[in-house]
Amino acid sequence: MLHVSGDEDPLHPRWIADHLAESLPDTIARTVPPRYLEPLAHEEAVDDAVRSFLGDQGHGHTPRKRVTTGEPT
């Protein structure tokens, strides 16, 4: 299981994320930049975490269009 979390998240505080990741067996925890403060870095880090977890080395991957506006959603 992949568990992605970040600092500065008011809905899912880091201490809860860490506790959850430690409680689940075979969990890989990745920390990413905060979504609302660094939207592009967040999106790229989540992409990297998922690709790494799935073992995708980018072969045959077509880059997707970025939809992040930089504004909170």
N, C-alpha and C. Protein backbone atom coordinates (compact mmCIF):
# COMPACT_ATOMS: atom_id res chain seq x y z
N MET A 1 0.85 -1.17 0.00
CA MET A 1 0.00 0.00 0.00
C MET A 1 0.90 1.23 0.00
N LEU A 2 0.48 2.23 -0.74
CA LEU A 2 1.18 3.50 -0.75
C LEU A 2 0.39 4.52 0.05
N HIS A 3 1.07 5.20 0.95
CA HIS A 3 0.43 6.23 1.76
C HIS A 3 1.18 7.54 1.51
N VAL A 4 0.49 8.50 0.89
CA VAL A 4 1.09 9.79 0.56
C VAL A 4 0.51 10.84 1.49
N SER A 5 1.39 11.60 2.11
CA SER A 5 0.93 12.66 3.01
C SER A 5 1.85 13.86 2.88
N GLY A 6 1.42 14.95 3.46
CA GLY A 6 2.24 16.16 3.43
C GLY A 6 2.08 16.96 4.70
N ASP A 7 3.01 17.84 4.89
CA ASP A 7 2.90 18.75 6.02
C ASP A 7 1.88 19.84 5.69
N GLU A 8 1.43 20.53 6.69
CA GLU A 8 0.56 21.70 6.51
C GLU A 8 -0.83 21.33 5.99
N ASP A 9 -1.29 20.11 6.20
CA ASP A 9 -2.62 19.71 5.74
C ASP A 9 -3.60 19.80 6.91
N PRO A 10 -4.54 20.76 6.85
CA PRO A 10 -5.46 20.94 7.97
C PRO A 10 -6.48 19.81 8.12
N LEU A 11 -6.76 19.06 7.04
CA LEU A 11 -7.74 17.99 7.12
C LEU A 11 -7.14 16.64 7.50
N HIS A 12 -5.86 16.48 7.23
CA HIS A 12 -5.19 15.21 7.49
C HIS A 12 -3.82 15.52 8.09
N PRO A 13 -3.80 15.91 9.38
CA PRO A 13 -2.54 16.31 10.01
C PRO A 13 -1.47 15.23 9.91
N ARG A 14 -0.24 15.68 9.87
CA ARG A 14 0.90 14.78 9.67
C ARG A 14 0.96 13.69 10.73
N TRP A 15 0.64 13.99 11.98
CA TRP A 15 0.74 12.96 13.02
C TRP A 15 -0.27 11.84 12.77
N ILE A 16 -1.42 12.16 12.21
CA ILE A 16 -2.41 11.13 11.87
C ILE A 16 -1.89 10.30 10.69
N ALA A 17 -1.33 10.98 9.69
CA ALA A 17 -0.78 10.29 8.53
C ALA A 17 0.31 9.30 8.95
N ASP A 18 1.21 9.75 9.81
CA ASP A 18 2.30 8.89 10.27
C ASP A 18 1.76 7.70 11.05
N HIS A 19 0.80 7.94 11.92
CA HIS A 19 0.21 6.86 12.71
C HIS A 19 -0.49 5.84 11.80
N LEU A 20 -1.22 6.33 10.83
CA LEU A 20 -1.92 5.45 9.90
C LEU A 20 -0.93 4.59 9.11
N ALA A 21 0.10 5.22 8.58
CA ALA A 21 1.10 4.49 7.80
C ALA A 21 1.80 3.43 8.64
N GLU A 22 2.09 3.74 9.89
CA GLU A 22 2.74 2.78 10.79
C GLU A 22 1.81 1.64 11.18
N SER A 23 0.50 1.89 11.17
CA SER A 23 -0.47 0.90 11.61
C SER A 23 -0.83 -0.12 10.53
N LEU A 24 -0.60 0.23 9.27
CA LEU A 24 -0.98 -0.65 8.17
C LEU A 24 0.21 -1.49 7.72
N PRO A 25 0.00 -2.80 7.54
CA PRO A 25 1.11 -3.66 7.13
C PRO A 25 1.54 -3.37 5.69
N ASP A 26 2.82 -3.54 5.43
CA ASP A 26 3.38 -3.40 4.08
C ASP A 26 3.06 -2.05 3.43
N THR A 27 3.14 -1.00 4.21
CA THR A 27 2.84 0.34 3.71
C THR A 27 4.12 1.11 3.43
N ILE A 28 4.15 1.73 2.27
CA ILE A 28 5.25 2.62 1.91
C ILE A 28 4.71 4.04 2.09
N ALA A 29 5.36 4.80 2.95
CA ALA A 29 4.93 6.17 3.23
C ALA A 29 5.80 7.15 2.46
N ARG A 30 5.18 8.09 1.79
CA ARG A 30 5.90 9.15 1.08
C ARG A 30 5.34 10.49 1.53
N THR A 31 6.24 11.43 1.76
CA THR A 31 5.85 12.79 2.13
C THR A 31 6.04 13.69 0.92
N VAL A 32 5.04 14.52 0.67
CA VAL A 32 5.08 15.43 -0.48
C VAL A 32 4.91 16.86 0.00
N PRO A 33 5.29 17.84 -0.83
CA PRO A 33 5.09 19.24 -0.45
C PRO A 33 3.60 19.55 -0.25
N PRO A 34 3.29 20.57 0.53
CA PRO A 34 1.89 20.90 0.79
C PRO A 34 1.17 21.37 -0.47
N ARG A 35 -0.01 20.83 -0.67
CA ARG A 35 -0.81 21.11 -1.87
C ARG A 35 -1.14 22.58 -2.04
N TYR A 36 -1.55 23.22 -0.95
CA TYR A 36 -2.03 24.60 -1.07
C TYR A 36 -0.89 25.62 -1.11
N LEU A 37 0.28 25.25 -0.62
CA LEU A 37 1.40 26.19 -0.62
C LEU A 37 2.32 25.99 -1.82
N GLU A 38 2.42 24.76 -2.32
CA GLU A 38 3.30 24.45 -3.44
C GLU A 38 2.58 23.51 -4.41
N PRO A 39 1.55 23.99 -5.10
CA PRO A 39 0.70 23.10 -5.90
C PRO A 39 1.44 22.33 -6.99
N LEU A 40 2.34 22.96 -7.72
CA LEU A 40 3.04 22.24 -8.78
C LEU A 40 4.01 21.21 -8.22
N ALA A 41 4.75 21.58 -7.18
CA ALA A 41 5.67 20.64 -6.55
C ALA A 41 4.89 19.46 -5.95
N HIS A 42 3.73 19.75 -5.38
CA HIS A 42 2.87 18.71 -4.81
C HIS A 42 2.45 17.72 -5.89
N GLU A 43 1.95 18.25 -6.99
CA GLU A 43 1.47 17.40 -8.08
C GLU A 43 2.60 16.53 -8.63
N GLU A 44 3.77 17.10 -8.83
CA GLU A 44 4.90 16.34 -9.35
C GLU A 44 5.36 15.27 -8.36
N ALA A 45 5.37 15.60 -7.08
CA ALA A 45 5.80 14.64 -6.06
C ALA A 45 4.81 13.48 -5.94
N VAL A 46 3.52 13.77 -6.04
CA VAL A 46 2.52 12.70 -5.99
C VAL A 46 2.68 11.80 -7.22
N ASP A 47 2.85 12.41 -8.39
CA ASP A 47 3.09 11.64 -9.61
C ASP A 47 4.29 10.72 -9.44
N ASP A 48 5.39 11.26 -8.93
CA ASP A 48 6.61 10.48 -8.74
C ASP A 48 6.39 9.34 -7.75
N ALA A 49 5.67 9.62 -6.66
CA ALA A 49 5.43 8.60 -5.64
C ALA A 49 4.62 7.44 -6.22
N VAL A 50 3.59 7.77 -6.98
CA VAL A 50 2.73 6.72 -7.55
C VAL A 50 3.50 5.92 -8.60
N ARG A 51 4.23 6.61 -9.48
CA ARG A 51 5.01 5.91 -10.51
C ARG A 51 6.07 5.00 -9.87
N SER A 52 6.73 5.48 -8.86
CA SER A 52 7.74 4.69 -8.17
C SER A 52 7.10 3.47 -7.53
N PHE A 53 5.97 3.67 -6.88
CA PHE A 53 5.27 2.58 -6.21
C PHE A 53 4.83 1.51 -7.22
N LEU A 54 4.36 1.94 -8.37
CA LEU A 54 3.88 1.01 -9.39
C LEU A 54 5.02 0.42 -10.23
N GLY A 55 6.23 0.98 -10.06
CA GLY A 55 7.36 0.45 -10.80
C GLY A 55 7.46 0.98 -12.21
N ASP A 56 6.74 2.05 -12.52
CA ASP A 56 6.77 2.64 -13.86
C ASP A 56 8.03 3.49 -13.99
N GLN A 57 8.86 3.16 -14.94
CA GLN A 57 10.08 3.92 -15.17
C GLN A 57 9.89 4.94 -16.30
N GLY A 58 8.65 5.18 -16.69
CA GLY A 58 8.37 6.18 -17.71
C GLY A 58 8.35 5.62 -19.11
N HIS A 59 8.51 4.32 -19.26
CA HIS A 59 8.50 3.71 -20.59
C HIS A 59 7.10 3.76 -21.18
N GLY A 60 6.98 4.36 -22.34
CA GLY A 60 5.70 4.45 -23.00
C GLY A 60 4.73 5.42 -22.36
N HIS A 61 5.21 6.23 -21.45
CA HIS A 61 4.34 7.18 -20.75
C HIS A 61 4.17 8.44 -21.57
N THR A 62 2.94 8.84 -21.74
CA THR A 62 2.64 10.12 -22.38
C THR A 62 2.37 11.13 -21.28
N PRO A 63 3.17 12.19 -21.20
CA PRO A 63 2.95 13.17 -20.14
C PRO A 63 1.53 13.73 -20.21
N ARG A 64 0.92 13.87 -19.05
CA ARG A 64 -0.43 14.43 -19.02
C ARG A 64 -0.36 15.94 -18.90
N LYS A 65 -1.39 16.58 -19.36
CA LYS A 65 -1.46 18.03 -19.27
C LYS A 65 -1.67 18.43 -17.81
N ARG A 66 -0.91 19.38 -17.34
CA ARG A 66 -1.06 19.86 -15.96
C ARG A 66 -2.34 20.68 -15.86
N VAL A 67 -3.10 20.40 -14.82
CA VAL A 67 -4.36 21.11 -14.64
C VAL A 67 -4.32 22.01 -13.42
N THR A 68 -3.24 21.98 -12.68
CA THR A 68 -3.13 22.78 -11.48
C THR A 68 -3.07 24.26 -11.85
N THR A 69 -3.91 25.05 -11.23
CA THR A 69 -3.94 26.48 -11.51
C THR A 69 -3.11 27.29 -10.55
N GLY A 70 -2.71 26.66 -9.46
CA GLY A 70 -1.98 27.38 -8.44
C GLY A 70 -2.90 27.94 -7.37
N GLU A 71 -4.19 27.87 -7.61
CA GLU A 71 -5.17 28.34 -6.65
C GLU A 71 -5.76 27.15 -5.90
N PRO A 72 -6.06 27.30 -4.63
CA PRO A 72 -6.72 26.22 -3.90
C PRO A 72 -8.04 25.84 -4.54
N THR A 73 -8.36 24.55 -4.48
CA THR A 73 -9.63 24.09 -5.04
C THR A 73 -10.59 23.74 -3.95
